[in-house]
Amino acid sequence: MRTIMLSSTVALAALGLGGCSPQANDAAQPADGNVAATVAGLAPGQQRGVLFRAIRDAGLACQHVAGAEQMPDSHGHAQWRARCDDGIEHLVDVAPDGVATVVSPKGS
């Protein structure tokens, strides 16, 4: 299991709302501060992009997320099962504050 900070900037960049400068990114925070809800509200392709970034930022090999299925929320966290192009599936848990935990099969 690897835990990383999934910035709301990553989620908003998928929407095309993030800017190139830190100031633009800081100004583009979700109104309610709930990064998990922001990711859950993205179109499927955008969600796959955010999940890809979480998996790669966790140091795992993945060329692209070929598919993703949102799982039932757990303790207020949004969760997705993300399948990479190599067939390996990862569970990506996103907390409202943007902390993402990636759980992967042993050895991946």
Protein backbone atom coordinates (compact mmCIF):
# COMPACT_ATOMS: atom_id res chain seq x y z
CA MET A 1 0.00 0.00 0.00
CA ARG A 2 1.33 3.42 -0.95
CA THR A 3 -0.08 6.75 0.19
CA ILE A 4 0.38 9.96 -1.76
CA MET A 5 -1.14 13.42 -1.72
CA LEU A 6 -3.49 13.78 -4.67
CA SER A 7 -3.69 17.51 -5.05
CA SER A 8 -6.96 19.02 -6.11
CA THR A 9 -4.79 20.65 -8.76
CA VAL A 10 -4.39 17.22 -10.39
CA ALA A 11 -8.14 16.72 -10.47
CA LEU A 12 -8.74 20.21 -11.77
CA ALA A 13 -6.00 19.89 -14.38
CA ALA A 14 -8.00 17.01 -15.81
CA LEU A 15 -10.85 19.47 -16.19
CA GLY A 16 -8.60 22.01 -17.85
CA LEU A 17 -9.03 24.40 -14.93
CA GLY A 18 -5.53 24.20 -13.51
CA GLY A 19 -3.07 26.81 -14.69
CA CYS A 20 0.64 26.69 -15.29
CA SER A 21 1.55 28.78 -12.27
CA PRO A 22 1.14 27.83 -8.60
CA GLN A 23 -1.03 30.89 -8.06
CA ALA A 24 -3.49 29.77 -10.73
CA ASN A 25 -3.59 26.27 -9.28
CA ASP A 26 -4.13 27.50 -5.73
CA ALA A 27 -7.02 29.63 -6.91
CA ALA A 28 -8.67 26.61 -8.54
CA GLN A 29 -9.42 24.65 -5.35
CA PRO A 30 -12.84 22.97 -5.13
CA ALA A 31 -15.33 25.30 -3.47
CA ASP A 32 -16.12 22.79 -0.72
CA GLY A 33 -12.51 21.55 -0.46
CA ASN A 34 -13.59 17.96 -1.15
CA VAL A 35 -11.10 16.56 -3.65
CA ALA A 36 -12.72 13.09 -3.59
CA ALA A 37 -16.07 14.56 -4.62
CA THR A 38 -14.37 16.56 -7.37
CA VAL A 39 -12.76 13.40 -8.77
CA ALA A 40 -16.04 11.48 -8.48
CA GLY A 41 -17.75 14.20 -10.52
CA LEU A 42 -15.30 14.02 -13.42
CA ALA A 43 -16.10 12.39 -16.74
CA PRO A 44 -14.79 8.79 -16.99
CA GLY A 45 -11.78 9.72 -19.14
CA GLN A 46 -10.80 12.48 -16.75
CA GLN A 47 -11.18 10.13 -13.78
CA ARG A 48 -8.88 7.62 -15.47
CA GLY A 49 -6.32 10.40 -15.92
CA VAL A 50 -6.43 11.30 -12.22
CA LEU A 51 -6.22 7.63 -11.20
CA PHE A 52 -3.28 7.14 -13.58
CA ARG A 53 -1.48 10.05 -11.94
CA ALA A 54 -2.12 8.61 -8.46
CA ILE A 55 -0.79 5.19 -9.50
CA ARG A 56 2.31 6.65 -11.16
CA ASP A 57 2.94 9.05 -8.26
CA ALA A 58 2.85 6.01 -5.96
CA GLY A 59 5.82 4.69 -7.94
CA LEU A 60 3.94 1.91 -9.71
CA ALA A 61 4.32 0.92 -13.35
CA CYS A 62 1.33 1.79 -15.51
CA GLN A 63 1.32 3.16 -19.05
CA HIS A 64 -2.34 4.15 -18.91
CA VAL A 65 -5.50 3.25 -17.04
CA ALA A 66 -7.53 1.14 -19.44
CA GLY A 67 -10.60 1.00 -17.25
CA ALA A 68 -11.91 2.12 -13.88
CA GLU A 69 -14.89 1.22 -11.78
CA GLN A 70 -16.05 3.33 -8.87
CA MET A 71 -16.51 1.21 -5.78
CA PRO A 72 -18.75 1.97 -2.79
CA ASP A 73 -17.38 4.75 -0.60
CA SER A 74 -15.53 3.62 2.51
CA HIS A 75 -15.52 5.83 5.60
CA GLY A 76 -16.17 8.95 3.52
CA HIS A 77 -13.46 8.13 0.99
CA ALA A 78 -14.20 7.64 -2.70
CA GLN A 79 -12.70 4.45 -4.14
CA TRP A 80 -11.98 3.16 -7.62
CA ARG A 81 -10.69 -0.11 -9.01
CA ALA A 82 -8.31 0.98 -11.75
CA ARG A 83 -7.04 -1.50 -14.36
CA CYS A 84 -3.79 -0.61 -16.07
CA ASP A 85 -3.02 -1.60 -19.64
CA ASP A 86 -0.93 -4.52 -18.32
CA GLY A 87 -4.04 -5.98 -16.66
CA ILE A 88 -2.95 -5.24 -13.09
CA GLU A 89 -5.70 -3.74 -10.95
CA HIS A 90 -5.10 -1.20 -8.20
CA LEU A 91 -7.53 0.10 -5.59
CA VAL A 92 -7.27 3.88 -5.37
CA ASP A 93 -8.81 5.38 -2.23
CA VAL A 94 -9.21 9.18 -2.28
CA ALA A 95 -9.93 11.04 0.96
CA PRO A 96 -11.82 14.34 0.91
CA ASP A 97 -8.56 16.19 1.70
CA GLY A 98 -6.86 14.76 -1.40
CA VAL A 99 -4.77 12.04 0.20
CA ALA A 100 -4.82 9.02 -2.10
CA THR A 101 -3.88 5.53 -1.02
CA VAL A 102 -3.05 3.04 -3.76
CA VAL A 103 -3.38 -0.63 -2.85
CA SER A 104 -1.82 -3.01 -5.36
CA PRO A 105 -1.29 -6.74 -5.69
CA LYS A 106 1.83 -7.99 -3.96
CA GLY A 107 4.87 -7.69 -6.18
CA SER A 108 3.51 -4.98 -8.48
